[in-house]
C-alpha cells in the first residue's frame, strides 16, 4: 500500500506535466511566462548571490547589509 505522500508527489508531477503541455499548446502564454520567470530568477537567485558577495567583502564584520 502506498503512503499518502507518494500520492501527493505523483499527483503534483501529473498536474505539472499537464500544465506544461497546455502552456506549450498556447504559444501566446509564453510571451507572459518567460519574462516573469526571468524576473524571479534575477530577483531571488542573483540578488541573493550579490548579497552574499557583499557580506564577504564587507570590511566592518559579518553583518548582513540591506
C-alpha atoms as a PDB file:
ATOM      1  CA  UNK A   1       0.000   0.000   0.000  1.00  0.00           C
ATOM      2  CA  UNK A   2       1.353   3.420  -0.943  1.00  0.00           C
ATOM      3  CA  UNK A   3       1.652   6.257   1.524  1.00  0.00           C
ATOM      4  CA  UNK A   4      -0.266   9.490   1.154  1.00  0.00           C
ATOM      5  CA  UNK A   5       2.998  11.365   0.429  1.00  0.00           C
ATOM      6  CA  UNK A   6       3.562   9.183  -2.645  1.00  0.00           C
ATOM      7  CA  UNK A   7       0.128  10.127  -3.979  1.00  0.00           C
ATOM      8  CA  UNK A   8       0.872  13.792  -3.349  1.00  0.00           C
ATOM      9  CA  UNK A   9       4.120  13.808  -5.349  1.00  0.00           C
ATOM     10  CA  UNK A  10       2.671  11.654  -8.120  1.00  0.00           C
ATOM     11  CA  UNK A  11      -0.376  13.919  -8.461  1.00  0.00           C
ATOM     12  CA  UNK A  12       1.782  17.032  -8.290  1.00  0.00           C
ATOM     13  CA  UNK A  13       4.003  15.696 -11.094  1.00  0.00           C
ATOM     14  CA  UNK A  14       0.961  14.826 -13.185  1.00  0.00           C
ATOM     15  CA  UNK A  15      -0.567  18.284 -12.806  1.00  0.00           C
ATOM     16  CA  UNK A  16       2.778  19.958 -13.515  1.00  0.00           C
ATOM     17  CA  UNK A  17       3.155  17.951 -16.726  1.00  0.00           C
ATOM     18  CA  UNK A  18      -0.379  18.759 -17.852  1.00  0.00           C
ATOM     19  CA  UNK A  19       0.192  22.437 -17.122  1.00  0.00           C
ATOM     20  CA  UNK A  20       3.394  22.473 -19.175  1.00  0.00           C
ATOM     21  CA  UNK A  21       1.648  20.752 -22.100  1.00  0.00           C
ATOM     22  CA  UNK A  22      -1.165  23.320 -22.006  1.00  0.00           C
ATOM     23  CA  UNK A  23       1.343  26.173 -21.943  1.00  0.00           C
ATOM     24  CA  UNK A  24       3.216  24.773 -24.937  1.00  0.00           C
ATOM     25  CA  UNK A  25      -0.015  24.474 -26.923  1.00  0.00           C
ATOM     26  CA  UNK A  26      -0.861  28.116 -26.298  1.00  0.00           C
ATOM     27  CA  UNK A  27       2.202  29.965 -27.557  1.00  0.00           C
ATOM     28  CA  UNK A  28       0.974  33.408 -26.530  1.00  0.00           C
ATOM     29  CA  UNK A  29       1.191  32.453 -22.854  1.00  0.00           C
ATOM     30  CA  UNK A  30       4.948  32.003 -23.274  1.00  0.00           C
ATOM     31  CA  UNK A  31       5.162  35.723 -24.004  1.00  0.00           C
ATOM     32  CA  UNK A  32       3.841  36.340 -20.491  1.00  0.00           C
ATOM     33  CA  UNK A  33       5.505  33.489 -18.605  1.00  0.00           C
ATOM     34  CA  UNK A  34       9.109  33.828 -19.821  1.00  0.00           C
ATOM     35  CA  UNK A  35       9.564  37.440 -18.599  1.00  0.00           C
ATOM     36  CA  UNK A  36       8.042  36.522 -15.229  1.00  0.00           C
ATOM     37  CA  UNK A  37      10.377  33.547 -14.809  1.00  0.00           C
ATOM     38  CA  UNK A  38      13.373  35.690 -15.777  1.00  0.00           C
ATOM     39  CA  UNK A  39      12.345  38.373 -13.305  1.00  0.00           C
ATOM     40  CA  UNK A  40      12.006  35.839 -10.482  1.00  0.00           C
ATOM     41  CA  UNK A  41      15.349  34.323 -11.417  1.00  0.00           C
ATOM     42  CA  UNK A  42      17.131  37.655 -11.273  1.00  0.00           C
ATOM     43  CA  UNK A  43      15.397  38.830  -8.093  1.00  0.00           C
ATOM     44  CA  UNK A  44      15.765  35.714  -5.965  1.00  0.00           C
ATOM     45  CA  UNK A  45      18.809  33.895  -7.326  1.00  0.00           C
ATOM     46  CA  UNK A  46      21.150  36.636  -8.464  1.00  0.00           C
ATOM     47  CA  UNK A  47      20.286  39.196  -5.785  1.00  0.00           C
ATOM     48  CA  UNK A  48      20.980  36.570  -3.131  1.00  0.00           C
ATOM     49  CA  UNK A  49      24.380  35.944  -4.691  1.00  0.00           C
ATOM     50  CA  UNK A  50      25.122  39.665  -4.699  1.00  0.00           C
ATOM     51  CA  UNK A  51      24.067  39.939  -1.052  1.00  0.00           C
ATOM     52  CA  UNK A  52      26.376  37.080  -0.029  1.00  0.00           C
ATOM     53  CA  UNK A  53      29.242  38.546  -2.063  1.00  0.00           C
ATOM     54  CA  UNK A  54      28.652  41.902  -0.381  1.00  0.00           C
ATOM     55  CA  UNK A  55      28.762  40.239   3.042  1.00  0.00           C
ATOM     56  CA  UNK A  56      32.053  38.515   2.229  1.00  0.00           C
ATOM     57  CA  UNK A  57      33.706  41.705   1.008  1.00  0.00           C
ATOM     58  CA  UNK A  58      32.321  43.816   3.867  1.00  0.00           C
ATOM     59  CA  UNK A  59      35.235  45.117   5.963  1.00  0.00           C
ATOM     60  CA  UNK A  60      33.112  46.006   9.025  1.00  0.00           C
ATOM     61  CA  UNK A  61      32.284  42.474  10.115  1.00  0.00           C
ATOM     62  CA  UNK A  62      29.877  39.673   9.455  1.00  0.00           C
ATOM     63  CA  UNK A  63      26.702  41.743   9.478  1.00  0.00           C
ATOM     64  CA  UNK A  64      24.242  41.474   6.641  1.00  0.00           C
ATOM     65  CA  UNK A  65      23.868  44.728   4.756  1.00  0.00           C
ATOM     66  CA  UNK A  66      20.451  45.576   3.393  1.00  0.00           C
END
